[in-house]
Protein backbone atom coordinates (compact mmCIF):
# COMPACT_ATOMS: atom_id res chain seq x y z
CA UNK A 1 221.20 181.52 134.35
CA UNK A 2 220.08 183.12 137.53
CA UNK A 3 222.33 184.85 139.96
CA UNK A 4 222.20 184.04 143.62
CA UNK A 5 220.80 186.86 145.70
CA UNK A 6 222.77 187.57 148.82
CA UNK A 7 221.12 189.10 151.81
CA UNK A 8 222.52 192.33 153.22
CA UNK A 9 224.55 191.94 156.41
CA UNK A 10 222.46 192.35 159.52
CA UNK A 11 219.24 191.79 157.61
CA UNK A 12 216.57 189.28 158.51
CA UNK A 13 217.28 185.62 157.95
CA UNK A 14 219.20 182.66 159.30
CA UNK A 15 222.63 184.24 158.72
CA UNK A 16 221.88 187.24 160.93
CA UNK A 17 223.84 187.49 164.16
CA UNK A 18 221.84 188.40 167.22
CA UNK A 19 222.80 188.45 170.85
CA UNK A 20 220.12 187.19 173.19
CA UNK A 21 219.92 186.52 176.90
CA UNK A 22 222.26 183.92 178.34
CA UNK A 23 220.69 180.49 178.33
CA UNK A 24 220.80 178.60 181.59
CA UNK A 25 221.22 175.37 179.62
CA UNK A 26 224.47 176.69 178.16
CA UNK A 27 225.80 177.43 181.63
CA UNK A 28 224.74 174.00 182.93
CA UNK A 29 226.43 172.19 180.03
CA UNK A 30 229.63 174.21 180.53
CA UNK A 31 229.62 173.47 184.26
CA UNK A 32 228.99 169.76 183.77
CA UNK A 33 231.77 169.51 181.18
CA UNK A 34 234.19 171.34 183.48
CA UNK A 35 233.19 169.14 186.44
CA UNK A 36 233.80 165.98 184.45
CA UNK A 37 237.14 167.27 183.17
CA UNK A 38 238.25 168.31 186.66
CA UNK A 39 237.26 164.95 188.16
CA UNK A 40 239.09 163.02 185.43
CA UNK A 41 242.21 165.18 185.63
CA UNK A 42 242.50 165.13 189.41
CA UNK A 43 241.74 161.41 189.74
CA UNK A 44 244.70 160.55 187.54
CA UNK A 45 247.19 162.43 189.74
CA UNK A 46 248.95 161.55 192.94
CA UNK A 47 247.20 164.26 194.97
CA UNK A 48 249.56 164.30 197.95
CA UNK A 49 252.37 165.45 195.66
CA UNK A 50 250.50 168.55 194.50
CA UNK A 51 250.86 171.97 196.17
CA UNK A 52 248.06 173.28 198.38
CA UNK A 53 245.02 174.71 196.66
CA UNK A 54 245.43 178.53 196.50
CA UNK A 55 242.90 181.00 197.90
CA UNK A 56 243.63 183.80 195.40
CA UNK A 57 241.20 182.52 192.71
CA UNK A 58 238.48 182.27 195.37
CA UNK A 59 239.05 185.88 196.45
CA UNK A 60 239.13 187.03 192.81
CA UNK A 61 235.87 185.28 191.92
CA UNK A 62 234.16 186.64 195.04
CA UNK A 63 235.43 190.15 194.30
CA UNK A 64 234.12 189.99 190.74
CA UNK A 65 230.76 188.80 192.03
CA UNK A 66 230.54 191.75 194.44
CA UNK A 67 231.53 194.26 191.75
CA UNK A 68 229.03 192.89 189.25
CA UNK A 69 226.25 192.88 191.84
CA UNK A 70 227.02 196.53 192.61
CA UNK A 71 227.02 197.33 188.88
CA UNK A 72 223.63 195.61 188.56
CA UNK A 73 222.09 197.71 191.33
CA UNK A 74 223.61 200.94 190.00
CA UNK A 75 222.75 200.28 186.35
CA UNK A 76 219.13 199.31 187.06
CA UNK A 77 218.66 202.52 189.03
CA UNK A 78 220.14 204.60 186.25
CA UNK A 79 218.08 202.90 183.53
CA UNK A 80 214.89 203.43 185.55
CA UNK A 81 215.96 207.08 186.11
CA UNK A 82 215.60 206.95 189.86
CA UNK A 83 216.04 210.29 191.64
CA UNK A 84 219.64 211.22 192.37
CA UNK A 85 221.06 208.97 189.65
CA UNK A 86 222.88 210.19 186.57
CA UNK A 87 221.49 209.25 183.15
CA UNK A 88 222.76 205.97 181.77
CA UNK A 89 225.37 205.82 179.01
CA UNK A 90 224.12 203.29 176.42
CA UNK A 91 227.66 202.24 175.49
CA UNK A 92 228.42 201.49 179.14
CA UNK A 93 225.30 199.32 179.35
CA UNK A 94 226.37 197.42 176.23
CA UNK A 95 229.79 196.81 177.79
CA UNK A 96 228.14 195.61 181.01
CA UNK A 97 226.03 193.14 179.01
CA UNK A 98 229.15 191.73 177.33
CA UNK A 99 230.91 191.55 180.71
CA UNK A 100 227.91 189.80 182.24
CA UNK A 101 227.67 187.22 179.45
CA UNK A 102 231.39 186.45 179.64
CA UNK A 103 231.38 186.33 183.44
CA UNK A 104 228.41 184.01 183.62
CA UNK A 105 230.10 181.52 181.28
CA UNK A 106 233.47 181.81 183.05
CA UNK A 107 231.76 181.46 186.43
CA UNK A 108 229.92 178.36 185.24
CA UNK A 109 233.18 176.81 184.04
CA UNK A 110 234.90 177.63 187.34
CA UNK A 111 231.90 176.32 189.29
CA UNK A 112 232.04 173.07 187.36
CA UNK A 113 235.78 172.77 187.91
CA UNK A 114 235.47 173.47 191.61
CA UNK A 115 232.47 171.10 191.89
CA UNK A 116 234.44 168.27 190.29
CA UNK A 117 237.44 169.01 192.50
CA UNK A 118 235.32 169.34 195.66
CA UNK A 119 233.49 166.10 194.93
CA UNK A 120 236.76 164.27 194.42
CA UNK A 121 238.29 165.78 197.56
CA UNK A 122 235.40 164.51 199.68
CA UNK A 123 235.90 161.00 198.27
CA UNK A 124 239.68 161.10 198.82
CA UNK A 125 240.79 160.27 202.37
CA UNK A 126 244.33 161.70 202.39
CA UNK A 127 245.37 164.52 204.71
CA UNK A 128 246.28 166.76 201.73
CA UNK A 129 242.77 166.36 200.33
CA UNK A 130 241.24 167.22 203.69
CA UNK A 131 243.30 170.41 203.91
CA UNK A 132 242.14 171.57 200.46
CA UNK A 133 238.41 170.99 201.02
CA UNK A 134 237.71 174.46 202.48
CA UNK A 135 239.38 176.27 199.57
CA UNK A 136 237.60 174.08 197.02
CA UNK A 137 234.21 174.57 198.69
CA UNK A 138 234.75 178.32 198.93
CA UNK A 139 235.78 178.38 195.27
CA UNK A 140 232.56 176.61 194.33
CA UNK A 141 230.48 179.12 196.32
CA UNK A 142 232.37 182.12 194.88
CA UNK A 143 231.91 180.77 191.34
CA UNK A 144 228.18 180.31 191.86
CA UNK A 145 227.98 183.84 193.29
CA UNK A 146 229.72 185.15 190.16
CA UNK A 147 227.23 183.36 187.91
CA UNK A 148 224.31 184.77 189.90
CA UNK A 149 225.73 188.31 189.90
CA UNK A 150 226.48 188.16 186.17
CA UNK A 151 222.96 186.98 185.33
CA UNK A 152 221.58 189.74 187.57
CA UNK A 153 223.75 192.34 185.82
CA UNK A 154 222.61 191.09 182.42
CA UNK A 155 218.98 191.30 183.48
CA UNK A 156 219.52 194.76 184.98
CA UNK A 157 220.74 196.06 181.63
CA UNK A 158 217.42 195.36 179.91
CA UNK A 159 215.34 198.31 178.80
CA UNK A 160 212.09 198.49 180.78
CA UNK A 161 208.90 197.83 178.87
CA UNK A 162 206.87 200.80 177.69
CA UNK A 163 203.93 201.79 179.85
CA UNK A 164 200.47 202.21 178.35
CA UNK A 165 199.16 205.76 178.01
CA UNK A 166 196.70 205.38 180.88
CA UNK A 167 199.41 203.97 183.23
CA UNK A 168 201.72 206.97 182.77
CA UNK A 169 201.96 209.80 185.20
CA UNK A 170 200.90 213.20 183.80
CA UNK A 171 204.49 214.53 183.81
CA UNK A 172 206.05 211.51 182.04
CA UNK A 173 207.07 211.97 178.44
CA UNK A 174 207.70 209.34 175.81
CA UNK A 175 211.32 209.75 174.70
CA UNK A 176 211.03 207.36 171.79
CA UNK A 177 209.97 208.73 168.41
CA UNK A 178 206.51 207.72 167.31
CA UNK A 179 205.68 205.51 164.32
CA UNK A 180 206.15 207.07 160.94
């Protein structure tokens, strides 16, 4: 009899977990599913009996987009070691990547939900639907801004590629250990 060989955790192979860049296709599928769900849910309701669409989620999504855009600018400058910037904390960058991945997916779901709702509100002719169109449209824009800011933050957290020896300035040093 032969014993099955198990691979060590984290080793090469199909069972290895690896986090890669966010796929746009994943975000599109999530947004389309949320749009369909929102359209189906809202079309089955008597819309005039619902309360007005709140503005607080719109403000929250827009605020998150602004904060993540600022974090993207700041982090990229720190990773590139621009003058006047503190060195980057690698753990903070890892946390920003996780935040960016989660925010891009959440933003895509919210964008899909707001897109389905906005589309339905423009088809509906009631006064209540007309009053909620600005909040729904703003929610869609804020959600898309959050997705864009999150993808920008994720891209800003990437380590820059190594320069060739002839492209380096004379004072630059390689901080990575050489091959052994």
